[in-house]
Amino acid sequence: MTPEKLYEILQKYAQAKGIQLNRDKNLVFELIKGLLINEARYGYRSCPCRLASGNREKDSDIICPCVYSSDDIKEFGRCYCGLYVSNEYNEGKILETIVPERRKK
């Protein structure tokens, strides 16, 4: 799969969930490249900002979109890696802050 095709897929997913992809397309495409590398490496698209184990069951919580993304977007306006964001975040209405790691593994 090409980065451009995955971008289209993720864009449709975000729209269906009422969120957006980050307006910083350079960041988005770097994250997409990481997702594709992890898919080639592990067979699933684990978050490129977290260390995957290679065990799908153990990593099920960090397969993009991770289980933490919804709470992160609600609280901080973006997910941990910044791929998915709220509309307000993209409009600059939410100050950019570091999203703390929720994963306890």
N, C-alpha and C. Protein backbone atom coordinates (compact mmCIF):
# COMPACT_ATOMS: atom_id res chain seq x y z
N MET A 1 0.85 -1.17 0.00
CA MET A 1 0.00 0.00 0.00
C MET A 1 0.90 1.24 0.00
N THR A 2 0.47 2.23 -0.72
CA THR A 2 1.24 3.48 -0.78
C THR A 2 0.83 4.38 0.38
N PRO A 3 1.72 5.29 0.77
CA PRO A 3 1.35 6.27 1.80
C PRO A 3 0.12 7.09 1.40
N GLU A 4 0.01 7.42 0.13
CA GLU A 4 -1.12 8.22 -0.34
C GLU A 4 -2.44 7.46 -0.19
N LYS A 5 -2.43 6.18 -0.49
CA LYS A 5 -3.63 5.36 -0.35
C LYS A 5 -4.03 5.23 1.12
N LEU A 6 -3.04 4.99 2.00
CA LEU A 6 -3.35 4.91 3.42
C LEU A 6 -3.87 6.25 3.94
N TYR A 7 -3.32 7.34 3.44
CA TYR A 7 -3.82 8.67 3.82
C TYR A 7 -5.31 8.78 3.51
N GLU A 8 -5.71 8.35 2.32
CA GLU A 8 -7.13 8.39 1.94
C GLU A 8 -7.99 7.55 2.89
N ILE A 9 -7.51 6.37 3.23
CA ILE A 9 -8.23 5.48 4.13
C ILE A 9 -8.38 6.11 5.51
N LEU A 10 -7.27 6.65 6.03
CA LEU A 10 -7.30 7.26 7.36
C LEU A 10 -8.16 8.52 7.37
N GLN A 11 -8.14 9.25 6.28
CA GLN A 11 -8.97 10.45 6.16
C GLN A 11 -10.46 10.08 6.25
N LYS A 12 -10.86 9.04 5.55
CA LYS A 12 -12.25 8.59 5.59
C LYS A 12 -12.62 8.10 6.99
N TYR A 13 -11.71 7.38 7.64
CA TYR A 13 -11.96 6.91 9.00
C TYR A 13 -12.17 8.11 9.93
N ALA A 14 -11.29 9.07 9.85
CA ALA A 14 -11.38 10.25 10.72
C ALA A 14 -12.71 10.97 10.52
N GLN A 15 -13.08 11.18 9.28
CA GLN A 15 -14.35 11.86 8.99
C GLN A 15 -15.52 11.09 9.57
N ALA A 16 -15.50 9.77 9.45
CA ALA A 16 -16.58 8.95 9.98
C ALA A 16 -16.68 9.05 11.50
N LYS A 17 -15.55 9.31 12.16
CA LYS A 17 -15.52 9.41 13.63
C LYS A 17 -15.71 10.84 14.13
N GLY A 18 -15.83 11.80 13.22
CA GLY A 18 -16.01 13.20 13.63
C GLY A 18 -14.73 13.86 14.09
N ILE A 19 -13.59 13.33 13.66
CA ILE A 19 -12.30 13.92 13.97
C ILE A 19 -11.58 14.22 12.66
N GLN A 20 -10.34 14.62 12.73
CA GLN A 20 -9.57 14.95 11.54
C GLN A 20 -8.17 14.39 11.64
N LEU A 21 -7.52 14.34 10.49
CA LEU A 21 -6.08 14.11 10.50
C LEU A 21 -5.43 15.45 10.78
N ASN A 22 -4.27 15.41 11.39
CA ASN A 22 -3.52 16.62 11.72
C ASN A 22 -3.33 17.47 10.47
N ARG A 23 -3.47 18.78 10.61
CA ARG A 23 -3.30 19.67 9.46
C ARG A 23 -1.86 19.71 8.96
N ASP A 24 -0.92 19.25 9.79
CA ASP A 24 0.50 19.19 9.41
C ASP A 24 0.72 17.94 8.56
N LYS A 25 0.62 18.10 7.25
CA LYS A 25 0.71 16.94 6.36
C LYS A 25 2.07 16.28 6.39
N ASN A 26 3.14 17.04 6.64
CA ASN A 26 4.45 16.42 6.75
C ASN A 26 4.48 15.44 7.92
N LEU A 27 3.94 15.86 9.05
CA LEU A 27 3.86 14.98 10.22
C LEU A 27 3.00 13.76 9.90
N VAL A 28 1.85 13.99 9.28
CA VAL A 28 0.93 12.90 8.96
C VAL A 28 1.63 11.87 8.08
N PHE A 29 2.35 12.32 7.05
CA PHE A 29 2.98 11.36 6.16
C PHE A 29 4.16 10.65 6.81
N GLU A 30 4.85 11.29 7.74
CA GLU A 30 5.90 10.60 8.49
C GLU A 30 5.28 9.50 9.36
N LEU A 31 4.16 9.81 9.99
CA LEU A 31 3.47 8.81 10.81
C LEU A 31 2.93 7.67 9.94
N ILE A 32 2.41 8.01 8.79
CA ILE A 32 1.91 6.98 7.87
C ILE A 32 3.05 6.07 7.43
N LYS A 33 4.19 6.64 7.14
CA LYS A 33 5.36 5.80 6.78
C LYS A 33 5.70 4.85 7.92
N GLY A 34 5.65 5.35 9.14
CA GLY A 34 5.90 4.51 10.31
C GLY A 34 4.87 3.40 10.45
N LEU A 35 3.61 3.71 10.19
CA LEU A 35 2.56 2.69 10.24
C LEU A 35 2.81 1.60 9.20
N LEU A 36 3.21 2.01 8.01
CA LEU A 36 3.47 1.04 6.95
C LEU A 36 4.71 0.20 7.25
N ILE A 37 5.72 0.81 7.85
CA ILE A 37 6.91 0.05 8.25
C ILE A 37 6.53 -0.99 9.30
N ASN A 38 5.73 -0.57 10.28
CA ASN A 38 5.30 -1.51 11.32
C ASN A 38 4.42 -2.61 10.76
N GLU A 39 3.59 -2.27 9.78
CA GLU A 39 2.77 -3.30 9.15
C GLU A 39 3.64 -4.33 8.43
N ALA A 40 4.66 -3.85 7.74
CA ALA A 40 5.58 -4.77 7.05
C ALA A 40 6.37 -5.60 8.05
N ARG A 41 6.75 -4.99 9.15
CA ARG A 41 7.57 -5.65 10.16
C ARG A 41 6.77 -6.64 11.00
N TYR A 42 5.58 -6.24 11.44
CA TYR A 42 4.82 -7.04 12.41
C TYR A 42 3.54 -7.66 11.84
N GLY A 43 3.08 -7.14 10.72
CA GLY A 43 1.83 -7.63 10.16
C GLY A 43 0.62 -6.83 10.62
N TYR A 44 0.84 -5.77 11.36
CA TYR A 44 -0.23 -4.88 11.81
C TYR A 44 0.34 -3.48 11.99
N ARG A 45 -0.54 -2.50 11.92
CA ARG A 45 -0.12 -1.09 11.97
C ARG A 45 -0.10 -0.59 13.40
N SER A 46 0.94 -0.93 14.13
CA SER A 46 1.06 -0.42 15.49
C SER A 46 1.50 1.03 15.45
N CYS A 47 1.16 1.75 16.49
CA CYS A 47 1.50 3.17 16.60
C CYS A 47 3.00 3.34 16.39
N PRO A 48 3.40 4.22 15.48
CA PRO A 48 4.82 4.40 15.23
C PRO A 48 5.55 5.15 16.35
N CYS A 49 4.80 5.67 17.30
CA CYS A 49 5.41 6.40 18.42
C CYS A 49 5.57 5.55 19.67
N ARG A 50 5.27 4.28 19.54
CA ARG A 50 5.39 3.37 20.67
C ARG A 50 6.18 2.14 20.23
N LEU A 51 6.79 1.48 21.18
CA LEU A 51 7.57 0.29 20.89
C LEU A 51 6.66 -0.94 20.90
N ALA A 52 6.52 -1.55 19.74
CA ALA A 52 5.70 -2.76 19.62
C ALA A 52 6.52 -3.99 19.96
N SER A 53 5.83 -5.02 20.43
CA SER A 53 6.51 -6.25 20.82
C SER A 53 6.63 -7.23 19.66
N GLY A 54 5.78 -7.06 18.66
CA GLY A 54 5.71 -8.04 17.59
C GLY A 54 4.66 -9.11 17.84
N ASN A 55 4.03 -9.05 19.00
CA ASN A 55 2.95 -9.97 19.36
C ASN A 55 1.64 -9.18 19.25
N ARG A 56 0.84 -9.54 18.26
CA ARG A 56 -0.39 -8.79 17.97
C ARG A 56 -1.31 -8.71 19.19
N GLU A 57 -1.43 -9.80 19.92
CA GLU A 57 -2.31 -9.80 21.10
C GLU A 57 -1.81 -8.81 22.15
N LYS A 58 -0.52 -8.83 22.44
CA LYS A 58 0.05 -7.90 23.42
C LYS A 58 -0.02 -6.45 22.95
N ASP A 59 0.04 -6.25 21.65
CA ASP A 59 0.04 -4.90 21.08
C ASP A 59 -1.34 -4.44 20.63
N SER A 60 -2.37 -5.21 20.92
CA SER A 60 -3.70 -4.88 20.40
C SER A 60 -4.16 -3.48 20.82
N ASP A 61 -3.67 -2.99 21.95
CA ASP A 61 -4.06 -1.67 22.42
C ASP A 61 -3.38 -0.53 21.67
N ILE A 62 -2.30 -0.83 20.95
CA ILE A 62 -1.58 0.23 20.22
C ILE A 62 -1.67 0.08 18.71
N ILE A 63 -2.58 -0.76 18.24
CA ILE A 63 -2.82 -0.83 16.80
C ILE A 63 -3.64 0.39 16.43
N CYS A 64 -3.16 1.12 15.46
CA CYS A 64 -3.75 2.40 15.08
C CYS A 64 -5.14 2.23 14.47
N PRO A 65 -6.10 2.99 14.93
CA PRO A 65 -6.04 3.95 16.02
C PRO A 65 -6.04 3.23 17.36
N CYS A 66 -5.14 3.63 18.22
CA CYS A 66 -4.99 2.93 19.50
C CYS A 66 -6.21 3.14 20.39
N VAL A 67 -6.35 2.30 21.37
CA VAL A 67 -7.51 2.38 22.27
C VAL A 67 -7.49 3.65 23.12
N TYR A 68 -6.36 4.30 23.19
CA TYR A 68 -6.22 5.50 24.00
C TYR A 68 -6.57 6.77 23.24
N SER A 69 -6.67 6.67 21.92
CA SER A 69 -6.81 7.87 21.08
C SER A 69 -8.07 8.67 21.38
N SER A 70 -9.18 8.01 21.60
CA SER A 70 -10.43 8.73 21.85
C SER A 70 -10.33 9.60 23.10
N ASP A 71 -9.83 9.03 24.20
CA ASP A 71 -9.68 9.81 25.43
C ASP A 71 -8.64 10.92 25.26
N ASP A 72 -7.56 10.62 24.54
CA ASP A 72 -6.53 11.64 24.31
C ASP A 72 -7.10 12.82 23.51
N ILE A 73 -7.87 12.52 22.49
CA ILE A 73 -8.45 13.58 21.67
C ILE A 73 -9.44 14.40 22.49
N LYS A 74 -10.24 13.74 23.31
CA LYS A 74 -11.20 14.46 24.16
C LYS A 74 -10.48 15.37 25.15
N GLU A 75 -9.39 14.88 25.75
CA GLU A 75 -8.71 15.65 26.79
C GLU A 75 -7.69 16.64 26.26
N PHE A 76 -6.95 16.26 25.21
CA PHE A 76 -5.84 17.09 24.73
C PHE A 76 -6.02 17.62 23.31
N GLY A 77 -7.06 17.17 22.63
CA GLY A 77 -7.30 17.62 21.27
C GLY A 77 -6.57 16.82 20.21
N ARG A 78 -5.75 15.88 20.66
CA ARG A 78 -5.02 15.04 19.70
C ARG A 78 -4.67 13.71 20.36
N CYS A 79 -4.39 12.73 19.52
CA CYS A 79 -3.94 11.45 20.05
C CYS A 79 -2.45 11.54 20.41
N TYR A 80 -1.93 10.52 21.00
CA TYR A 80 -0.55 10.50 21.50
C TYR A 80 0.46 10.93 20.44
N CYS A 81 0.36 10.37 19.24
CA CYS A 81 1.33 10.70 18.19
C CYS A 81 0.94 11.93 17.39
N GLY A 82 -0.29 12.37 17.51
CA GLY A 82 -0.73 13.56 16.80
C GLY A 82 -1.30 13.31 15.42
N LEU A 83 -1.53 12.06 15.07
CA LEU A 83 -2.11 11.75 13.76
C LEU A 83 -3.56 12.21 13.71
N TYR A 84 -4.33 11.81 14.72
CA TYR A 84 -5.74 12.18 14.79
C TYR A 84 -5.91 13.34 15.76
N VAL A 85 -6.73 14.29 15.35
CA VAL A 85 -6.94 15.49 16.16
C VAL A 85 -8.41 15.90 16.11
N SER A 86 -8.77 16.76 17.04
CA SER A 86 -10.11 17.33 17.02
C SER A 86 -10.14 18.49 16.02
N ASN A 87 -11.34 18.87 15.65
CA ASN A 87 -11.49 20.03 14.76
C ASN A 87 -10.89 21.27 15.41
N GLU A 88 -11.13 21.43 16.71
CA GLU A 88 -10.63 22.60 17.45
C GLU A 88 -9.10 22.65 17.45
N TYR A 89 -8.49 21.50 17.54
CA TYR A 89 -7.02 21.44 17.51
C TYR A 89 -6.51 21.96 16.17
N ASN A 90 -7.09 21.48 15.09
CA ASN A 90 -6.66 21.91 13.77
C ASN A 90 -6.94 23.38 13.52
N GLU A 91 -7.93 23.93 14.19
CA GLU A 91 -8.26 25.34 14.05
C GLU A 91 -7.40 26.23 14.94
N GLY A 92 -6.52 25.60 15.75
CA GLY A 92 -5.64 26.37 16.63
C GLY A 92 -6.31 26.84 17.91
N LYS A 93 -7.46 26.30 18.23
CA LYS A 93 -8.19 26.71 19.43
C LYS A 93 -7.71 25.97 20.68
N ILE A 94 -6.93 24.92 20.49
CA ILE A 94 -6.37 24.15 21.60
C ILE A 94 -4.86 24.26 21.53
N LEU A 95 -4.26 24.70 22.61
CA LEU A 95 -2.82 24.81 22.65
C LEU A 95 -2.18 23.44 22.60
N GLU A 96 -1.09 23.34 21.87
CA GLU A 96 -0.39 22.06 21.76
C GLU A 96 0.34 21.76 23.06
N THR A 97 0.05 20.59 23.61
CA THR A 97 0.72 20.12 24.82
C THR A 97 1.17 18.69 24.60
N ILE A 98 2.02 18.23 25.45
CA ILE A 98 2.47 16.84 25.38
C ILE A 98 1.36 15.95 25.92
N VAL A 99 1.02 14.95 25.17
CA VAL A 99 0.01 13.99 25.60
C VAL A 99 0.73 12.90 26.40
N PRO A 100 0.35 12.70 27.64
CA PRO A 100 1.04 11.68 28.45
C PRO A 100 0.73 10.27 27.96
N GLU A 101 1.66 9.39 28.17
CA GLU A 101 1.49 7.99 27.79
C GLU A 101 0.49 7.34 28.73
N ARG A 102 -0.57 6.79 28.19
CA ARG A 102 -1.58 6.11 29.00
C ARG A 102 -1.29 4.62 29.11
N ARG A 103 -0.48 4.14 28.21
CA ARG A 103 -0.20 2.70 28.19
C ARG A 103 0.64 2.32 29.40
N LYS A 104 0.23 1.27 30.07
CA LYS A 104 0.91 0.85 31.31
C LYS A 104 1.75 -0.40 31.12
N LYS A 105 2.03 -0.77 29.87
CA LYS A 105 2.76 -2.02 29.62
C LYS A 105 4.24 -1.78 29.52
